[in-house]
Amino acid sequence: MVFLAKQHGEFLAQTITLFNQAKKKNKNFKIIDLSADFRLKNPKDYEKWYSFKHPDEALLKKIGLRTSGALSKKIKQARLIANPGVTRPP
């Protein structure tokens, strides 16, 4: 299990690399990202809210948690968990 606690966008490329490498080696890994790098479902919203373009739209579709109301079963099955946090407009 890996917890990521960098500023939004600061470790995004490395998170994608880490996810892809871990997926190849071990099916039982978890990455919990406390930034907003995977918080939003629509990749276009990253430019609007965080001033960067999300580089991996396919991975955004695989995120296991985006809201605090998600069921624990979904959390257990997810490999990459996004911090629900609070998203505010710029």
PDB file of N, CA and C in Angstrom:
ATOM      1  N   MET A   1       0.847  -1.162   0.000  1.00  0.00           N
ATOM      2  CA  MET A   1       0.000   0.000   0.000  1.00  0.00           C
ATOM      3  C   MET A   1       0.897   1.230   0.000  1.00  0.00           C
ATOM      4  N   VAL A   2       0.516   2.186  -0.863  1.00  0.00           N
ATOM      5  CA  VAL A   2       1.270   3.434  -0.982  1.00  0.00           C
ATOM      6  C   VAL A   2       0.304   4.598  -0.783  1.00  0.00           C
ATOM      7  N   PHE A   3       0.678   5.537   0.084  1.00  0.00           N
ATOM      8  CA  PHE A   3      -0.069   6.776   0.248  1.00  0.00           C
ATOM      9  C   PHE A   3       0.711   7.886  -0.435  1.00  0.00           C
ATOM     10  N   LEU A   4       0.042   8.657  -1.271  1.00  0.00           N
ATOM     11  CA  LEU A   4       0.674   9.791  -1.949  1.00  0.00           C
ATOM     12  C   LEU A   4       0.084  11.074  -1.376  1.00  0.00           C
ATOM     13  N   ALA A   5       0.951  11.986  -0.974  1.00  0.00           N
ATOM     14  CA  ALA A   5       0.483  13.221  -0.328  1.00  0.00           C
ATOM     15  C   ALA A   5       1.216  14.433  -0.891  1.00  0.00           C
ATOM     16  N   LYS A   6       1.291  14.533  -2.187  1.00  0.00           N
ATOM     17  CA  LYS A   6       1.927  15.673  -2.845  1.00  0.00           C
ATOM     18  C   LYS A   6       0.859  16.693  -3.246  1.00  0.00           C
ATOM     19  N   GLN A   7       1.313  17.880  -3.645  1.00  0.00           N
ATOM     20  CA  GLN A   7       0.401  18.904  -4.151  1.00  0.00           C
ATOM     21  C   GLN A   7      -0.221  18.415  -5.460  1.00  0.00           C
ATOM     22  N   HIS A   8      -1.386  18.943  -5.787  1.00  0.00           N
ATOM     23  CA  HIS A   8      -2.075  18.564  -7.019  1.00  0.00           C
ATOM     24  C   HIS A   8      -1.148  18.759  -8.225  1.00  0.00           C
ATOM     25  N   GLY A   9      -1.005  17.718  -9.028  1.00  0.00           N
ATOM     26  CA  GLY A   9      -0.201  17.776 -10.240  1.00  0.00           C
ATOM     27  C   GLY A   9       1.285  17.547 -10.026  1.00  0.00           C
ATOM     28  N   GLU A  10       1.765  17.650  -8.803  1.00  0.00           N
ATOM     29  CA  GLU A  10       3.195  17.568  -8.522  1.00  0.00           C
ATOM     30  C   GLU A  10       3.770  16.168  -8.746  1.00  0.00           C
ATOM     31  N   PHE A  11       2.976  15.131  -8.516  1.00  0.00           N
ATOM     32  CA  PHE A  11       3.474  13.755  -8.629  1.00  0.00           C
ATOM     33  C   PHE A  11       2.610  12.938  -9.586  1.00  0.00           C
ATOM     34  N   LEU A  12       1.844  13.609 -10.423  1.00  0.00           N
ATOM     35  CA  LEU A  12       0.880  12.939 -11.298  1.00  0.00           C
ATOM     36  C   LEU A  12       1.538  11.957 -12.265  1.00  0.00           C
ATOM     37  N   ALA A  13       2.544  12.385 -12.983  1.00  0.00           N
ATOM     38  CA  ALA A  13       3.210  11.498 -13.952  1.00  0.00           C
ATOM     39  C   ALA A  13       3.832  10.294 -13.253  1.00  0.00           C
ATOM     40  N   GLN A  14       4.432  10.516 -12.092  1.00  0.00           N
ATOM     41  CA  GLN A  14       5.047   9.419 -11.351  1.00  0.00           C
ATOM     42  C   GLN A  14       3.990   8.462 -10.789  1.00  0.00           C
ATOM     43  N   THR A  15       2.823   8.980 -10.435  1.00  0.00           N
ATOM     44  CA  THR A  15       1.739   8.122  -9.942  1.00  0.00           C
ATOM     45  C   THR A  15       1.268   7.188 -11.047  1.00  0.00           C
ATOM     46  N   ILE A  16       1.141   7.705 -12.243  1.00  0.00           N
ATOM     47  CA  ILE A  16       0.726   6.887 -13.383  1.00  0.00           C
ATOM     48  C   ILE A  16       1.759   5.792 -13.644  1.00  0.00           C
ATOM     49  N   THR A  17       3.028   6.151 -13.609  1.00  0.00           N
ATOM     50  CA  THR A  17       4.105   5.172 -13.791  1.00  0.00           C
ATOM     51  C   THR A  17       4.074   4.124 -12.686  1.00  0.00           C
ATOM     52  N   LEU A  18       3.951   4.576 -11.448  1.00  0.00           N
ATOM     53  CA  LEU A  18       3.896   3.665 -10.308  1.00  0.00           C
ATOM     54  C   LEU A  18       2.717   2.698 -10.436  1.00  0.00           C
ATOM     55  N   PHE A  19       1.540   3.211 -10.808  1.00  0.00           N
ATOM     56  CA  PHE A  19       0.358   2.376 -10.981  1.00  0.00           C
ATOM     57  C   PHE A  19       0.603   1.303 -12.044  1.00  0.00           C
ATOM     58  N   ASN A  20       1.127   1.695 -13.189  1.00  0.00           N
ATOM     59  CA  ASN A  20       1.354   0.744 -14.285  1.00  0.00           C
ATOM     60  C   ASN A  20       2.409  -0.299 -13.935  1.00  0.00           C
ATOM     61  N   GLN A  21       3.464   0.096 -13.234  1.00  0.00           N
ATOM     62  CA  GLN A  21       4.493  -0.865 -12.831  1.00  0.00           C
ATOM     63  C   GLN A  21       3.959  -1.833 -11.776  1.00  0.00           C
ATOM     64  N   ALA A  22       3.217  -1.310 -10.808  1.00  0.00           N
ATOM     65  CA  ALA A  22       2.662  -2.166  -9.759  1.00  0.00           C
ATOM     66  C   ALA A  22       1.642  -3.146 -10.331  1.00  0.00           C
ATOM     67  N   LYS A  23       0.858  -2.682 -11.292  1.00  0.00           N
ATOM     68  CA  LYS A  23      -0.157  -3.542 -11.915  1.00  0.00           C
ATOM     69  C   LYS A  23       0.498  -4.745 -12.601  1.00  0.00           C
ATOM     70  N   LYS A  24       1.642  -4.526 -13.233  1.00  0.00           N
ATOM     71  CA  LYS A  24       2.344  -5.618 -13.913  1.00  0.00           C
ATOM     72  C   LYS A  24       2.913  -6.632 -12.924  1.00  0.00           C
ATOM     73  N   LYS A  25       3.295  -6.172 -11.725  1.00  0.00           N
ATOM     74  CA  LYS A  25       3.997  -7.037 -10.775  1.00  0.00           C
ATOM     75  C   LYS A  25       3.106  -7.690  -9.722  1.00  0.00           C
ATOM     76  N   ASN A  26       2.015  -7.022  -9.319  1.00  0.00           N
ATOM     77  CA  ASN A  26       1.247  -7.517  -8.196  1.00  0.00           C
ATOM     78  C   ASN A  26      -0.207  -7.064  -8.312  1.00  0.00           C
ATOM     79  N   LYS A  27      -1.105  -8.005  -8.293  1.00  0.00           N
ATOM     80  CA  LYS A  27      -2.521  -7.674  -8.400  1.00  0.00           C
ATOM     81  C   LYS A  27      -3.107  -7.183  -7.077  1.00  0.00           C
ATOM     82  N   ASN A  28      -2.386  -7.305  -5.991  1.00  0.00           N
ATOM     83  CA  ASN A  28      -2.911  -6.965  -4.669  1.00  0.00           C
ATOM     84  C   ASN A  28      -2.313  -5.682  -4.108  1.00  0.00           C
ATOM     85  N   PHE A  29      -2.108  -4.681  -4.908  1.00  0.00           N
ATOM     86  CA  PHE A  29      -1.552  -3.422  -4.429  1.00  0.00           C
ATOM     87  C   PHE A  29      -2.649  -2.384  -4.267  1.00  0.00           C
ATOM     88  N   LYS A  30      -2.363  -1.366  -3.472  1.00  0.00           N
ATOM     89  CA  LYS A  30      -3.268  -0.230  -3.294  1.00  0.00           C
ATOM     90  C   LYS A  30      -2.443   1.048  -3.350  1.00  0.00           C
ATOM     91  N   ILE A  31      -2.972   2.034  -4.051  1.00  0.00           N
ATOM     92  CA  ILE A  31      -2.399   3.380  -4.054  1.00  0.00           C
ATOM     93  C   ILE A  31      -3.526   4.314  -3.606  1.00  0.00           C
ATOM     94  N   ILE A  32      -3.264   5.088  -2.576  1.00  0.00           N
ATOM     95  CA  ILE A  32      -4.237   6.055  -2.088  1.00  0.00           C
ATOM     96  C   ILE A  32      -3.646   7.436  -2.306  1.00  0.00           C
ATOM     97  N   ASP A  33      -4.267   8.182  -3.198  1.00  0.00           N
ATOM     98  CA  ASP A  33      -3.767   9.503  -3.582  1.00  0.00           C
ATOM     99  C   ASP A  33      -4.562  10.574  -2.846  1.00  0.00           C
ATOM    100  N   LEU A  34      -3.880  11.348  -2.017  1.00  0.00           N
ATOM    101  CA  LEU A  34      -4.537  12.386  -1.237  1.00  0.00           C
ATOM    102  C   LEU A  34      -4.628  13.718  -1.977  1.00  0.00           C
ATOM    103  N   SER A  35      -4.021  13.811  -3.144  1.00  0.00           N
ATOM    104  CA  SER A  35      -4.127  15.028  -3.949  1.00  0.00           C
ATOM    105  C   SER A  35      -5.409  14.967  -4.784  1.00  0.00           C
ATOM    106  N   ALA A  36      -5.577  15.936  -5.645  1.00  0.00           N
ATOM    107  CA  ALA A  36      -6.759  15.956  -6.520  1.00  0.00           C
ATOM    108  C   ALA A  36      -6.468  15.342  -7.890  1.00  0.00           C
ATOM    109  N   ASP A  37      -5.334  14.694  -8.053  1.00  0.00           N
ATOM    110  CA  ASP A  37      -4.911  14.217  -9.369  1.00  0.00           C
ATOM    111  C   ASP A  37      -5.847  13.198 -10.006  1.00  0.00           C
ATOM    112  N   PHE A  38      -6.645  12.511  -9.208  1.00  0.00           N
ATOM    113  CA  PHE A  38      -7.593  11.523  -9.739  1.00  0.00           C
ATOM    114  C   PHE A  38      -8.983  11.733  -9.159  1.00  0.00           C
ATOM    115  N   ARG A  39      -9.216  12.878  -8.602  1.00  0.00           N
ATOM    116  CA  ARG A  39     -10.470  13.179  -7.907  1.00  0.00           C
ATOM    117  C   ARG A  39     -11.651  13.353  -8.855  1.00  0.00           C
ATOM    118  N   LEU A  40     -11.405  13.900 -10.021  1.00  0.00           N
ATOM    119  CA  LEU A  40     -12.486  14.222 -10.947  1.00  0.00           C
ATOM    120  C   LEU A  40     -12.594  13.172 -12.049  1.00  0.00           C
ATOM    121  N   LYS A  41     -13.798  12.906 -12.483  1.00  0.00           N
ATOM    122  CA  LYS A  41     -14.017  11.892 -13.515  1.00  0.00           C
ATOM    123  C   LYS A  41     -13.769  12.430 -14.923  1.00  0.00           C
ATOM    124  N   ASN A  42     -14.159  13.669 -15.160  1.00  0.00           N
ATOM    125  CA  ASN A  42     -14.027  14.274 -16.485  1.00  0.00           C
ATOM    126  C   ASN A  42     -12.646  14.916 -16.625  1.00  0.00           C
ATOM    127  N   PRO A  43     -11.816  14.450 -17.568  1.00  0.00           N
ATOM    128  CA  PRO A  43     -10.468  15.001 -17.716  1.00  0.00           C
ATOM    129  C   PRO A  43     -10.449  16.498 -18.044  1.00  0.00           C
ATOM    130  N   LYS A  44     -11.490  16.995 -18.688  1.00  0.00           N
ATOM    131  CA  LYS A  44     -11.541  18.422 -19.025  1.00  0.00           C
ATOM    132  C   LYS A  44     -11.668  19.303 -17.779  1.00  0.00           C
ATOM    133  N   ASP A  45     -12.223  18.741 -16.718  1.00  0.00           N
ATOM    134  CA  ASP A  45     -12.392  19.510 -15.485  1.00  0.00           C
ATOM    135  C   ASP A  45     -11.065  19.842 -14.804  1.00  0.00           C
ATOM    136  N   TYR A  46     -10.025  19.085 -15.081  1.00  0.00           N
ATOM    137  CA  TYR A  46      -8.715  19.362 -14.465  1.00  0.00           C
ATOM    138  C   TYR A  46      -8.160  20.700 -14.925  1.00  0.00           C
ATOM    139  N   GLU A  47      -8.369  21.031 -16.181  1.00  0.00           N
ATOM    140  CA  GLU A  47      -7.904  22.328 -16.685  1.00  0.00           C
ATOM    141  C   GLU A  47      -8.684  23.459 -16.022  1.00  0.00           C
ATOM    142  N   LYS A  48      -9.977  23.261 -15.866  1.00  0.00           N
ATOM    143  CA  LYS A  48     -10.830  24.282 -15.276  1.00  0.00           C
ATOM    144  C   LYS A  48     -10.521  24.483 -13.791  1.00  0.00           C
ATOM    145  N   TRP A  49     -10.398  23.413 -13.029  1.00  0.00           N
ATOM    146  CA  TRP A  49     -10.282  23.500 -11.576  1.00  0.00           C
ATOM    147  C   TRP A  49      -8.843  23.564 -11.081  1.00  0.00           C
ATOM    148  N   TYR A  50      -7.918  22.903 -11.780  1.00  0.00           N
ATOM    149  CA  TYR A  50      -6.545  22.787 -11.262  1.00  0.00           C
ATOM    150  C   TYR A  50      -5.465  23.325 -12.208  1.00  0.00           C
ATOM    151  N   SER A  51      -5.871  23.849 -13.345  1.00  0.00           N
ATOM    152  CA  SER A  51      -4.958  24.476 -14.308  1.00  0.00           C
ATOM    153  C   SER A  51      -3.906  23.529 -14.875  1.00  0.00           C
ATOM    154  N   PHE A  52      -4.260  22.259 -15.064  1.00  0.00           N
ATOM    155  CA  PHE A  52      -3.384  21.339 -15.795  1.00  0.00           C
ATOM    156  C   PHE A  52      -4.232  20.326 -16.548  1.00  0.00           C
ATOM    157  N   LYS A  53      -3.673  19.804 -17.614  1.00  0.00           N
ATOM    158  CA  LYS A  53      -4.351  18.794 -18.424  1.00  0.00           C
ATOM    159  C   LYS A  53      -3.989  17.417 -17.871  1.00  0.00           C
ATOM    160  N   HIS A  54      -4.997  16.602 -17.624  1.00  0.00           N
ATOM    161  CA  HIS A  54      -4.726  15.258 -17.092  1.00  0.00           C
ATOM    162  C   HIS A  54      -4.177  14.379 -18.209  1.00  0.00           C
ATOM    163  N   PRO A  55      -3.035  13.724 -17.986  1.00  0.00           N
ATOM    164  CA  PRO A  55      -2.381  12.962 -19.055  1.00  0.00           C
ATOM    165  C   PRO A  55      -2.900  11.540 -19.280  1.00  0.00           C
ATOM    166  N   ASP A  56      -3.792  11.037 -18.419  1.00  0.00           N
ATOM    167  CA  ASP A  56      -4.204   9.635 -18.564  1.00  0.00           C
ATOM    168  C   ASP A  56      -5.709   9.475 -18.348  1.00  0.00           C
ATOM    169  N   GLU A  57      -6.473   9.745 -19.412  1.00  0.00           N
ATOM    170  CA  GLU A  57      -7.928   9.647 -19.337  1.00  0.00           C
ATOM    171  C   GLU A  57      -8.388   8.211 -19.069  1.00  0.00           C
ATOM    172  N   ALA A  58      -7.675   7.242 -19.591  1.00  0.00           N
ATOM    173  CA  ALA A  58      -8.060   5.837 -19.392  1.00  0.00           C
ATOM    174  C   ALA A  58      -7.960   5.445 -17.920  1.00  0.00           C
ATOM    175  N   LEU A  59      -6.928   5.915 -17.248  1.00  0.00           N
ATOM    176  CA  LEU A  59      -6.757   5.588 -15.836  1.00  0.00           C
ATOM    177  C   LEU A  59      -7.834   6.267 -14.980  1.00  0.00           C
ATOM    178  N   LEU A  60      -8.266   7.441 -15.368  1.00  0.00           N
ATOM    179  CA  LEU A  60      -9.333   8.122 -14.627  1.00  0.00           C
ATOM    180  C   LEU A  60     -10.600   7.274 -14.554  1.00  0.00           C
ATOM    181  N   LYS A  61     -10.844   6.492 -15.588  1.00  0.00           N
ATOM    182  CA  LYS A  61     -12.037   5.643 -15.630  1.00  0.00           C
ATOM    183  C   LYS A  61     -11.945   4.461 -14.667  1.00  0.00           C
ATOM    184  N   LYS A  62     -10.736   4.144 -14.196  1.00  0.00           N
ATOM    185  CA  LYS A  62     -10.522   2.982 -13.330  1.00  0.00           C
ATOM    186  C   LYS A  62     -10.496   3.327 -11.844  1.00  0.00           C
ATOM    187  N   ILE A  63     -10.675   4.581 -11.503  1.00  0.00           N
ATOM    188  CA  ILE A  63     -10.560   5.005 -10.118  1.00  0.00           C
ATOM    189  C   ILE A  63     -11.660   4.374  -9.275  1.00  0.00           C
ATOM    190  N   GLY A  64     -11.285   3.869  -8.104  1.00  0.00           N
ATOM    191  CA  GLY A  64     -12.220   3.145  -7.263  1.00  0.00           C
ATOM    192  C   GLY A  64     -13.062   3.998  -6.349  1.00  0.00           C
ATOM    193  N   LEU A  65     -12.629   5.182  -6.020  1.00  0.00           N
ATOM    194  CA  LEU A  65     -13.365   5.997  -5.060  1.00  0.00           C
ATOM    195  C   LEU A  65     -13.169   7.462  -5.393  1.00  0.00           C
ATOM    196  N   ARG A  66     -14.263   8.186  -5.454  1.00  0.00           N
ATOM    197  CA  ARG A  66     -14.181   9.634  -5.652  1.00  0.00           C
ATOM    198  C   ARG A  66     -15.045  10.368  -4.636  1.00  0.00           C
ATOM    199  N   THR A  67     -15.934   9.656  -4.009  1.00  0.00           N
ATOM    200  CA  THR A  67     -16.796  10.292  -3.019  1.00  0.00           C
ATOM    201  C   THR A  67     -16.730   9.506  -1.719  1.00  0.00           C
ATOM    202  N   SER A  68     -16.934  10.193  -0.639  1.00  0.00           N
ATOM    203  CA  SER A  68     -16.843   9.550   0.667  1.00  0.00           C
ATOM    204  C   SER A  68     -17.988   8.564   0.912  1.00  0.00           C
ATOM    205  N   GLY A  69     -19.019   8.593   0.086  1.00  0.00           N
ATOM    206  CA  GLY A  69     -20.144   7.692   0.261  1.00  0.00           C
ATOM    207  C   GLY A  69     -19.990   6.355  -0.438  1.00  0.00           C
ATOM    208  N   ALA A  70     -18.840   6.087  -0.999  1.00  0.00           N
ATOM    209  CA  ALA A  70     -18.629   4.821  -1.718  1.00  0.00           C
ATOM    210  C   ALA A  70     -18.699   3.634  -0.761  1.00  0.00           C
ATOM    211  N   LEU A  71     -19.137   2.517  -1.277  1.00  0.00           N
ATOM    212  CA  LEU A  71     -19.249   1.315  -0.468  1.00  0.00           C
ATOM    213  C   LEU A  71     -17.881   0.725  -0.179  1.00  0.00           C
ATOM    214  N   SER A  72     -17.747   0.103   0.981  1.00  0.00           N
ATOM    215  CA  SER A  72     -16.463  -0.478   1.365  1.00  0.00           C
ATOM    216  C   SER A  72     -16.033  -1.583   0.403  1.00  0.00           C
ATOM    217  N   LYS A  73     -16.977  -2.280  -0.228  1.00  0.00           N
ATOM    218  CA  LYS A  73     -16.635  -3.328  -1.197  1.00  0.00           C
ATOM    219  C   LYS A  73     -15.866  -2.741  -2.380  1.00  0.00           C
ATOM    220  N   LYS A  74     -16.300  -1.575  -2.851  1.00  0.00           N
ATOM    221  CA  LYS A  74     -15.610  -0.924  -3.963  1.00  0.00           C
ATOM    222  C   LYS A  74     -14.205  -0.500  -3.552  1.00  0.00           C
ATOM    223  N   ILE A  75     -14.049  -0.045  -2.335  1.00  0.00           N
ATOM    224  CA  ILE A  75     -12.733   0.361  -1.839  1.00  0.00           C
ATOM    225  C   ILE A  75     -11.810  -0.848  -1.788  1.00  0.00           C
ATOM    226  N   LYS A  76     -12.317  -1.974  -1.301  1.00  0.00           N
ATOM    227  CA  LYS A  76     -11.505  -3.188  -1.205  1.00  0.00           C
ATOM    228  C   LYS A  76     -11.040  -3.664  -2.576  1.00  0.00           C
ATOM    229  N   GLN A  77     -11.858  -3.494  -3.608  1.00  0.00           N
ATOM    230  CA  GLN A  77     -11.530  -3.976  -4.948  1.00  0.00           C
ATOM    231  C   GLN A  77     -10.651  -2.996  -5.730  1.00  0.00           C
ATOM    232  N   ALA A  78     -10.660  -1.742  -5.359  1.00  0.00           N
ATOM    233  CA  ALA A  78      -9.943  -0.716  -6.114  1.00  0.00           C
ATOM    234  C   ALA A  78      -8.429  -0.820  -5.926  1.00  0.00           C
ATOM    235  N   ARG A  79      -7.699  -0.503  -6.970  1.00  0.00           N
ATOM    236  CA  ARG A  79      -6.238  -0.451  -6.894  1.00  0.00           C
ATOM    237  C   ARG A  79      -5.741   0.967  -6.654  1.00  0.00           C
ATOM    238  N   LEU A  80      -6.442   1.926  -7.219  1.00  0.00           N
ATOM    239  CA  LEU A  80      -6.092   3.334  -7.043  1.00  0.00           C
ATOM    240  C   LEU A  80      -7.302   4.041  -6.468  1.00  0.00           C
ATOM    241  N   ILE A  81      -7.104   4.652  -5.317  1.00  0.00           N
ATOM    242  CA  ILE A  81      -8.193   5.307  -4.605  1.00  0.00           C
ATOM    243  C   ILE A  81      -7.901   6.799  -4.554  1.00  0.00           C
ATOM    244  N   ALA A  82      -8.858   7.603  -5.006  1.00  0.00           N
ATOM    245  CA  ALA A  82      -8.691   9.054  -5.026  1.00  0.00           C
ATOM    246  C   ALA A  82      -9.330   9.668  -3.792  1.00  0.00           C
ATOM    247  N   ASN A  83      -8.658  10.621  -3.211  1.00  0.00           N
ATOM    248  CA  ASN A  83      -9.172  11.349  -2.066  1.00  0.00           C
ATOM    249  C   ASN A  83     -10.391  12.158  -2.484  1.00  0.00           C
ATOM    250  N   PRO A  84     -11.532  11.979  -1.802  1.00  0.00           N
ATOM    251  CA  PRO A  84     -12.698  12.743  -2.200  1.00  0.00           C
ATOM    252  C   PRO A  84     -12.511  14.243  -2.018  1.00  0.00           C
ATOM    253  N   GLY A  85     -11.924  14.672  -0.914  1.00  0.00           N
ATOM    254  CA  GLY A  85     -11.570  16.065  -0.686  1.00  0.00           C
ATOM    255  C   GLY A  85     -12.646  17.076  -1.028  1.00  0.00           C
ATOM    256  N   VAL A  86     -12.234  18.291  -1.168  1.00  0.00           N
ATOM    257  CA  VAL A  86     -13.114  19.390  -1.531  1.00  0.00           C
ATOM    258  C   VAL A  86     -12.538  20.062  -2.755  1.00  0.00           C
ATOM    259  N   THR A  87     -13.331  20.179  -3.792  1.00  0.00           N
ATOM    260  CA  THR A  87     -12.884  20.827  -5.019  1.00  0.00           C
ATOM    261  C   THR A  87     -13.525  22.196  -5.097  1.00  0.00           C
ATOM    262  N   ARG A  88     -12.692  23.224  -5.235  1.00  0.00           N
ATOM    263  CA  ARG A  88     -13.193  24.592  -5.314  1.00  0.00           C
ATOM    264  C   ARG A  88     -12.739  25.205  -6.627  1.00  0.00           C
ATOM    265  N   PRO A  89     -13.578  26.049  -7.191  1.00  0.00           N
ATOM    266  CA  PRO A  89     -13.175  26.718  -8.451  1.00  0.00           C
ATOM    267  C   PRO A  89     -12.003  27.654  -8.213  1.00  0.00           C
ATOM    268  N   PRO A  90     -11.206  27.903  -9.277  1.00  0.00           N
ATOM    269  CA  PRO A  90     -10.040  28.789  -9.142  1.00  0.00           C
ATOM    270  C   PRO A  90     -10.438  30.212  -8.793  1.00  0.00           C
TER     271      PRO A  90
END
